[in-house]
Amino acid sequence: MNDQPVIIKQIIGKTVKALRIKQGMSQEDLAQECDVDRSYISMIEVGRNEPSVTKIFDLCKGLKIKPSAFFKIIEGGVRT
């Protein structure tokens, strides 16, 4: 069985968390910026939820990072 989707969810979550912390934001702060519940941010960060492309763009806006830069970070963490 291919674990790639699980690994990608984990990398997305760790990246969101690292960028959020770098910005000095709480989960609540980021949730407000993205108009979602704090628990949704938590679920993304622990790799239990995989955000849609639309939500990734919202997260990037809240994290003050270009989506292209975000995906470049994700791509760097995924081994093919």
C-alpha atoms as a PDB file:
ATOM      1  CA  MET A   1       0.000   0.000   0.000  1.00  0.00           C
ATOM      2  CA  ASN A   2       1.274   3.482  -0.882  1.00  0.00           C
ATOM      3  CA  ASP A   3       1.784   5.755   2.132  1.00  0.00           C
ATOM      4  CA  GLN A   4       2.440   8.861  -0.002  1.00  0.00           C
ATOM      5  CA  PRO A   5      -0.914  10.599   0.817  1.00  0.00           C
ATOM      6  CA  VAL A   6      -0.315  10.123   4.551  1.00  0.00           C
ATOM      7  CA  ILE A   7       3.214  11.473   4.278  1.00  0.00           C
ATOM      8  CA  ILE A   8       2.038  14.509   2.304  1.00  0.00           C
ATOM      9  CA  LYS A   9      -0.661  15.264   4.919  1.00  0.00           C
ATOM     10  CA  GLN A  10       2.005  15.103   7.633  1.00  0.00           C
ATOM     11  CA  ILE A  11       4.369  17.376   5.698  1.00  0.00           C
ATOM     12  CA  ILE A  12       1.582  19.883   5.058  1.00  0.00           C
ATOM     13  CA  GLY A  13       0.703  19.839   8.748  1.00  0.00           C
ATOM     14  CA  LYS A  14       4.278  20.258   9.958  1.00  0.00           C
ATOM     15  CA  THR A  15       4.831  23.052   7.445  1.00  0.00           C
ATOM     16  CA  VAL A  16       1.698  24.927   8.492  1.00  0.00           C
ATOM     17  CA  LYS A  17       2.696  24.599  12.150  1.00  0.00           C
ATOM     18  CA  ALA A  18       6.290  25.730  11.550  1.00  0.00           C
ATOM     19  CA  LEU A  19       5.193  28.746   9.507  1.00  0.00           C
ATOM     20  CA  ARG A  20       2.518  29.641  12.075  1.00  0.00           C
ATOM     21  CA  ILE A  21       5.020  29.520  14.919  1.00  0.00           C
ATOM     22  CA  LYS A  22       7.556  31.515  12.869  1.00  0.00           C
ATOM     23  CA  GLN A  23       4.867  34.193  12.421  1.00  0.00           C
ATOM     24  CA  GLY A  24       4.248  34.205  16.178  1.00  0.00           C
ATOM     25  CA  MET A  25       0.643  33.138  15.676  1.00  0.00           C
ATOM     26  CA  SER A  26      -1.505  30.857  17.781  1.00  0.00           C
ATOM     27  CA  GLN A  27      -3.789  28.298  16.196  1.00  0.00           C
ATOM     28  CA  GLU A  28      -6.654  30.595  17.141  1.00  0.00           C
ATOM     29  CA  ASP A  29      -4.999  33.529  15.327  1.00  0.00           C
ATOM     30  CA  LEU A  30      -4.534  31.503  12.148  1.00  0.00           C
ATOM     31  CA  ALA A  31      -8.056  30.109  12.382  1.00  0.00           C
ATOM     32  CA  GLN A  32      -9.460  33.644  12.528  1.00  0.00           C
ATOM     33  CA  GLU A  33      -7.381  34.693   9.513  1.00  0.00           C
ATOM     34  CA  CYS A  34      -8.697  31.708   7.529  1.00  0.00           C
ATOM     35  CA  ASP A  35     -12.288  31.855   8.834  1.00  0.00           C
ATOM     36  CA  VAL A  36     -12.167  28.299  10.207  1.00  0.00           C
ATOM     37  CA  ASP A  37     -12.376  26.722  13.638  1.00  0.00           C
ATOM     38  CA  ARG A  38      -9.198  26.357  15.695  1.00  0.00           C
ATOM     39  CA  SER A  39      -9.734  22.602  15.838  1.00  0.00           C
ATOM     40  CA  TYR A  40      -9.505  22.475  12.020  1.00  0.00           C
ATOM     41  CA  ILE A  41      -6.034  24.062  12.175  1.00  0.00           C
ATOM     42  CA  SER A  42      -5.064  21.554  14.860  1.00  0.00           C
ATOM     43  CA  MET A  43      -6.269  18.629  12.738  1.00  0.00           C
ATOM     44  CA  ILE A  44      -4.238  19.886   9.762  1.00  0.00           C
ATOM     45  CA  GLU A  45      -1.117  20.339  11.891  1.00  0.00           C
ATOM     46  CA  VAL A  46      -1.240  16.792  13.256  1.00  0.00           C
ATOM     47  CA  GLY A  47      -1.887  15.337   9.791  1.00  0.00           C
ATOM     48  CA  ARG A  48      -5.452  14.178  10.392  1.00  0.00           C
ATOM     49  CA  ASN A  49      -7.027  16.618   7.914  1.00  0.00           C
ATOM     50  CA  GLU A  50      -5.817  17.456   4.433  1.00  0.00           C
ATOM     51  CA  PRO A  51      -6.824  20.962   3.390  1.00  0.00           C
ATOM     52  CA  SER A  52      -8.301  21.579  -0.043  1.00  0.00           C
ATOM     53  CA  VAL A  53      -6.395  23.724  -2.501  1.00  0.00           C
ATOM     54  CA  THR A  54      -8.742  26.605  -1.687  1.00  0.00           C
ATOM     55  CA  LYS A  55      -7.993  26.242   2.041  1.00  0.00           C
ATOM     56  CA  ILE A  56      -4.266  26.031   1.326  1.00  0.00           C
ATOM     57  CA  PHE A  57      -4.535  29.403  -0.418  1.00  0.00           C
ATOM     58  CA  ASP A  58      -6.428  30.753   2.624  1.00  0.00           C
ATOM     59  CA  LEU A  59      -3.764  29.336   4.950  1.00  0.00           C
ATOM     60  CA  CYS A  60      -1.021  30.902   2.854  1.00  0.00           C
ATOM     61  CA  LYS A  61      -2.744  34.289   3.009  1.00  0.00           C
ATOM     62  CA  GLY A  62      -3.017  33.993   6.788  1.00  0.00           C
ATOM     63  CA  LEU A  63       0.610  32.866   7.046  1.00  0.00           C
ATOM     64  CA  LYS A  64       1.783  35.649   4.726  1.00  0.00           C
ATOM     65  CA  ILE A  65       3.444  33.272   2.272  1.00  0.00           C
ATOM     66  CA  LYS A  66       2.887  32.825  -1.445  1.00  0.00           C
ATOM     67  CA  PRO A  67       1.205  29.529  -2.327  1.00  0.00           C
ATOM     68  CA  SER A  68       4.055  28.801  -4.739  1.00  0.00           C
ATOM     69  CA  ALA A  69       6.569  29.125  -1.886  1.00  0.00           C
ATOM     70  CA  PHE A  70       4.391  26.922   0.327  1.00  0.00           C
ATOM     71  CA  PHE A  71       4.188  24.195  -2.315  1.00  0.00           C
ATOM     72  CA  LYS A  72       7.941  24.435  -2.881  1.00  0.00           C
ATOM     73  CA  ILE A  73       8.475  23.699   0.828  1.00  0.00           C
ATOM     74  CA  ILE A  74       6.050  20.771   0.626  1.00  0.00           C
ATOM     75  CA  GLU A  75       7.728  19.441  -2.506  1.00  0.00           C
ATOM     76  CA  GLY A  76      11.102  19.601  -0.758  1.00  0.00           C
ATOM     77  CA  GLY A  77       9.787  17.398   2.029  1.00  0.00           C
ATOM     78  CA  VAL A  78       8.272  14.727  -0.223  1.00  0.00           C
ATOM     79  CA  ARG A  79      10.562  11.987  -1.451  1.00  0.00           C
ATOM     80  CA  THR A  80       9.385  10.354  -4.653  1.00  0.00           C
END
